[in-house]
Amino acid sequence: MTIYAGPMTMHKTVAIAAVSSLALLGLSGCSSEPDYCDQLDATEEAFNELAETSIISEGTDTLTQRYDAFAAEVNSLTDAAGDEFSEETTAVEESLDQLNSALQSAANLDLGTAAEQLGPSLEAVSESAEALFTSVTTECS
């Protein structure tokens, strides 16, 4: 026994199929976030560890280790982002270079003097990192 669907049922079926296809295309068009969004959390975490380092109680060796970890995360973030945040990235890289120089000269100082000497460099890293994080977060939201 054959049942004739008729023109109205056929139009409904075609319309439902078209809507379903558009919905699937729409979902596939909503690509996931850029790769650098995944890297943002790790970079922020490494920054927080660096920023929370107490030179007086933890020493310059700990600060140097956290500097290295943060610098590596920044490199991963900027590699993933390409040129998208070049201005902010340049500022972070310059502030990291300043901090590295300050770390080199502070290595043989007493911790109080080292903390005093490293303060401005740490502040510059903090400001530039926050600007980078703000820009990346805006694009990842």
C-alpha atoms as a PDB file:
ATOM      1  CA  MET A   1       0.000   0.000   0.000  1.00  0.00           C
ATOM      2  CA  THR A   2       1.459   3.353  -1.027  1.00  0.00           C
ATOM      3  CA  ILE A   3       0.514   6.499   0.809  1.00  0.00           C
ATOM      4  CA  TYR A   4       0.613   9.708  -1.128  1.00  0.00           C
ATOM      5  CA  ALA A   5       2.109  12.497   0.951  1.00  0.00           C
ATOM      6  CA  GLY A   6       0.684  15.271  -1.115  1.00  0.00           C
ATOM      7  CA  PRO A   7       2.234  18.644  -1.962  1.00  0.00           C
ATOM      8  CA  MET A   8       1.777  20.242   1.506  1.00  0.00           C
ATOM      9  CA  THR A   9       3.522  17.413   3.347  1.00  0.00           C
ATOM     10  CA  MET A  10       6.315  17.441   0.801  1.00  0.00           C
ATOM     11  CA  HIS A  11       6.842  21.205   1.280  1.00  0.00           C
ATOM     12  CA  LYS A  12       6.946  20.755   5.055  1.00  0.00           C
ATOM     13  CA  THR A  13       9.557  18.018   4.730  1.00  0.00           C
ATOM     14  CA  VAL A  14      11.717  20.148   2.424  1.00  0.00           C
ATOM     15  CA  ALA A  15      11.337  23.163   4.724  1.00  0.00           C
ATOM     16  CA  ILE A  16      12.320  21.132   7.792  1.00  0.00           C
ATOM     17  CA  ALA A  17      15.335  19.711   5.959  1.00  0.00           C
ATOM     18  CA  ALA A  18      16.382  23.194   4.841  1.00  0.00           C
ATOM     19  CA  VAL A  19      16.071  24.615   8.364  1.00  0.00           C
ATOM     20  CA  SER A  20      18.046  21.680   9.778  1.00  0.00           C
ATOM     21  CA  SER A  21      20.779  22.169   7.183  1.00  0.00           C
ATOM     22  CA  LEU A  22      21.000  25.883   7.932  1.00  0.00           C
ATOM     23  CA  ALA A  23      21.216  25.188  11.647  1.00  0.00           C
ATOM     24  CA  LEU A  24      24.080  22.756  11.098  1.00  0.00           C
ATOM     25  CA  LEU A  25      25.865  25.219   8.820  1.00  0.00           C
ATOM     26  CA  GLY A  26      25.368  27.925  11.416  1.00  0.00           C
ATOM     27  CA  LEU A  27      26.884  25.742  14.110  1.00  0.00           C
ATOM     28  CA  SER A  28      29.867  24.830  12.006  1.00  0.00           C
ATOM     29  CA  GLY A  29      30.310  28.512  11.101  1.00  0.00           C
ATOM     30  CA  CYS A  30      30.653  29.315  14.814  1.00  0.00           C
ATOM     31  CA  SER A  31      34.198  28.181  15.065  1.00  0.00           C
ATOM     32  CA  SER A  32      35.810  27.673  18.386  1.00  0.00           C
ATOM     33  CA  GLU A  33      37.914  30.397  19.920  1.00  0.00           C
ATOM     34  CA  PRO A  34      41.333  31.130  18.434  1.00  0.00           C
ATOM     35  CA  ASP A  35      44.220  28.965  19.658  1.00  0.00           C
ATOM     36  CA  TYR A  36      45.636  31.776  21.761  1.00  0.00           C
ATOM     37  CA  CYS A  37      42.522  31.744  23.949  1.00  0.00           C
ATOM     38  CA  ASP A  38      43.526  28.336  25.276  1.00  0.00           C
ATOM     39  CA  GLN A  39      46.993  29.678  26.083  1.00  0.00           C
ATOM     40  CA  LEU A  40      45.690  32.722  27.957  1.00  0.00           C
ATOM     41  CA  ASP A  41      44.921  30.912  31.226  1.00  0.00           C
ATOM     42  CA  ALA A  42      48.385  29.355  31.483  1.00  0.00           C
ATOM     43  CA  THR A  43      50.023  32.702  30.744  1.00  0.00           C
ATOM     44  CA  GLU A  44      47.929  34.504  33.344  1.00  0.00           C
ATOM     45  CA  GLU A  45      48.691  31.810  35.907  1.00  0.00           C
ATOM     46  CA  ALA A  46      52.449  32.115  35.284  1.00  0.00           C
ATOM     47  CA  PHE A  47      52.135  35.900  35.547  1.00  0.00           C
ATOM     48  CA  ASN A  48      50.283  35.650  38.867  1.00  0.00           C
ATOM     49  CA  GLU A  49      53.005  33.424  40.269  1.00  0.00           C
ATOM     50  CA  LEU A  50      55.646  35.919  39.144  1.00  0.00           C
ATOM     51  CA  ALA A  51      53.730  38.903  40.500  1.00  0.00           C
ATOM     52  CA  GLU A  52      53.089  37.236  43.856  1.00  0.00           C
ATOM     53  CA  THR A  53      56.746  36.386  44.426  1.00  0.00           C
ATOM     54  CA  SER A  54      58.124  37.873  47.620  1.00  0.00           C
ATOM     55  CA  ILE A  55      61.757  38.609  46.913  1.00  0.00           C
ATOM     56  CA  ILE A  56      62.449  39.071  50.612  1.00  0.00           C
ATOM     57  CA  SER A  57      61.087  35.670  51.659  1.00  0.00           C
ATOM     58  CA  GLU A  58      61.548  33.633  48.451  1.00  0.00           C
ATOM     59  CA  GLY A  59      64.695  35.175  46.999  1.00  0.00           C
ATOM     60  CA  THR A  60      65.859  36.137  43.556  1.00  0.00           C
ATOM     61  CA  ASP A  61      66.331  32.510  42.455  1.00  0.00           C
ATOM     62  CA  THR A  62      62.601  31.880  42.834  1.00  0.00           C
ATOM     63  CA  LEU A  63      61.851  35.128  41.037  1.00  0.00           C
ATOM     64  CA  THR A  64      64.176  34.088  38.206  1.00  0.00           C
ATOM     65  CA  GLN A  65      62.451  30.702  37.889  1.00  0.00           C
ATOM     66  CA  ARG A  66      59.039  32.351  37.749  1.00  0.00           C
ATOM     67  CA  TYR A  67      60.341  34.930  35.299  1.00  0.00           C
ATOM     68  CA  ASP A  68      61.520  32.093  33.036  1.00  0.00           C
ATOM     69  CA  ALA A  69      58.156  30.323  33.312  1.00  0.00           C
ATOM     70  CA  PHE A  70      56.213  33.496  32.528  1.00  0.00           C
ATOM     71  CA  ALA A  71      58.503  34.392  29.607  1.00  0.00           C
ATOM     72  CA  ALA A  72      57.955  30.916  28.148  1.00  0.00           C
ATOM     73  CA  GLU A  73      54.172  31.263  28.482  1.00  0.00           C
ATOM     74  CA  VAL A  74      54.263  34.705  26.866  1.00  0.00           C
ATOM     75  CA  ASN A  75      56.211  33.192  23.961  1.00  0.00           C
ATOM     76  CA  SER A  76      53.584  30.463  23.592  1.00  0.00           C
ATOM     77  CA  LEU A  77      50.782  33.020  23.682  1.00  0.00           C
ATOM     78  CA  THR A  78      52.401  35.299  21.129  1.00  0.00           C
ATOM     79  CA  ASP A  79      53.271  32.360  18.872  1.00  0.00           C
ATOM     80  CA  ALA A  80      49.625  31.309  18.924  1.00  0.00           C
ATOM     81  CA  ALA A  81      48.371  34.866  18.348  1.00  0.00           C
ATOM     82  CA  GLY A  82      50.794  35.746  15.575  1.00  0.00           C
ATOM     83  CA  ASP A  83      50.786  39.473  14.899  1.00  0.00           C
ATOM     84  CA  GLU A  84      47.327  40.052  16.354  1.00  0.00           C
ATOM     85  CA  PHE A  85      48.570  41.702  19.550  1.00  0.00           C
ATOM     86  CA  SER A  86      51.931  42.954  18.313  1.00  0.00           C
ATOM     87  CA  GLU A  87      51.842  46.278  20.174  1.00  0.00           C
ATOM     88  CA  GLU A  88      50.981  44.669  23.497  1.00  0.00           C
ATOM     89  CA  THR A  89      53.412  41.811  22.913  1.00  0.00           C
ATOM     90  CA  THR A  90      56.253  44.204  22.159  1.00  0.00           C
ATOM     91  CA  ALA A  91      55.569  46.063  25.407  1.00  0.00           C
ATOM     92  CA  VAL A  92      55.614  42.807  27.408  1.00  0.00           C
ATOM     93  CA  GLU A  93      58.810  41.641  25.737  1.00  0.00           C
ATOM     94  CA  GLU A  94      60.518  44.981  26.427  1.00  0.00           C
ATOM     95  CA  SER A  95      59.458  44.935  30.064  1.00  0.00           C
ATOM     96  CA  LEU A  96      60.664  41.341  30.404  1.00  0.00           C
ATOM     97  CA  ASP A  97      64.040  42.366  28.961  1.00  0.00           C
ATOM     98  CA  GLN A  98      64.241  45.143  31.562  1.00  0.00           C
ATOM     99  CA  LEU A  99      63.357  42.713  34.326  1.00  0.00           C
ATOM    100  CA  ASN A 100      65.932  40.224  33.105  1.00  0.00           C
ATOM    101  CA  SER A 101      68.634  42.899  33.196  1.00  0.00           C
ATOM    102  CA  ALA A 102      67.548  43.955  36.673  1.00  0.00           C
ATOM    103  CA  LEU A 103      67.575  40.318  37.814  1.00  0.00           C
ATOM    104  CA  GLN A 104      71.125  39.905  36.547  1.00  0.00           C
ATOM    105  CA  SER A 105      72.350  42.926  38.457  1.00  0.00           C
ATOM    106  CA  ALA A 106      70.340  42.094  41.602  1.00  0.00           C
ATOM    107  CA  ALA A 107      71.614  38.519  41.892  1.00  0.00           C
ATOM    108  CA  ASN A 108      74.490  39.477  44.197  1.00  0.00           C
ATOM    109  CA  LEU A 109      72.646  42.067  46.279  1.00  0.00           C
ATOM    110  CA  ASP A 110      71.061  41.581  49.666  1.00  0.00           C
ATOM    111  CA  LEU A 111      67.368  40.757  49.310  1.00  0.00           C
ATOM    112  CA  GLY A 112      66.120  44.124  50.571  1.00  0.00           C
ATOM    113  CA  THR A 113      68.187  46.040  48.038  1.00  0.00           C
ATOM    114  CA  ALA A 114      67.315  43.542  45.313  1.00  0.00           C
ATOM    115  CA  ALA A 115      63.593  43.951  46.023  1.00  0.00           C
ATOM    116  CA  GLU A 116      63.945  47.720  45.879  1.00  0.00           C
ATOM    117  CA  GLN A 117      65.906  47.563  42.636  1.00  0.00           C
ATOM    118  CA  LEU A 118      63.541  45.085  40.981  1.00  0.00           C
ATOM    119  CA  GLY A 119      60.331  46.940  41.920  1.00  0.00           C
ATOM    120  CA  PRO A 120      60.110  49.273  38.908  1.00  0.00           C
ATOM    121  CA  SER A 121      60.872  46.440  36.462  1.00  0.00           C
ATOM    122  CA  LEU A 122      58.229  44.223  38.046  1.00  0.00           C
ATOM    123  CA  GLU A 123      55.729  47.082  37.832  1.00  0.00           C
ATOM    124  CA  ALA A 124      56.496  47.541  34.123  1.00  0.00           C
ATOM    125  CA  VAL A 125      55.947  43.810  33.507  1.00  0.00           C
ATOM    126  CA  SER A 126      52.690  43.974  35.426  1.00  0.00           C
ATOM    127  CA  GLU A 127      51.360  46.927  33.444  1.00  0.00           C
ATOM    128  CA  SER A 128      52.320  45.519  30.056  1.00  0.00           C
ATOM    129  CA  ALA A 129      51.025  42.038  30.895  1.00  0.00           C
ATOM    130  CA  GLU A 130      47.683  43.418  32.051  1.00  0.00           C
ATOM    131  CA  ALA A 131      47.326  45.339  28.770  1.00  0.00           C
ATOM    132  CA  LEU A 132      48.070  42.163  26.800  1.00  0.00           C
ATOM    133  CA  PHE A 133      45.649  40.102  28.893  1.00  0.00           C
ATOM    134  CA  THR A 134      42.914  42.693  28.453  1.00  0.00           C
ATOM    135  CA  SER A 135      43.323  42.668  24.672  1.00  0.00           C
ATOM    136  CA  VAL A 136      43.380  38.883  24.422  1.00  0.00           C
ATOM    137  CA  THR A 137      40.429  38.482  26.804  1.00  0.00           C
ATOM    138  CA  THR A 138      38.403  40.901  24.696  1.00  0.00           C
ATOM    139  CA  GLU A 139      38.977  38.747  21.618  1.00  0.00           C
ATOM    140  CA  CYS A 140      38.282  35.502  23.470  1.00  0.00           C
ATOM    141  CA  SER A 141      34.983  36.566  25.028  1.00  0.00           C
END
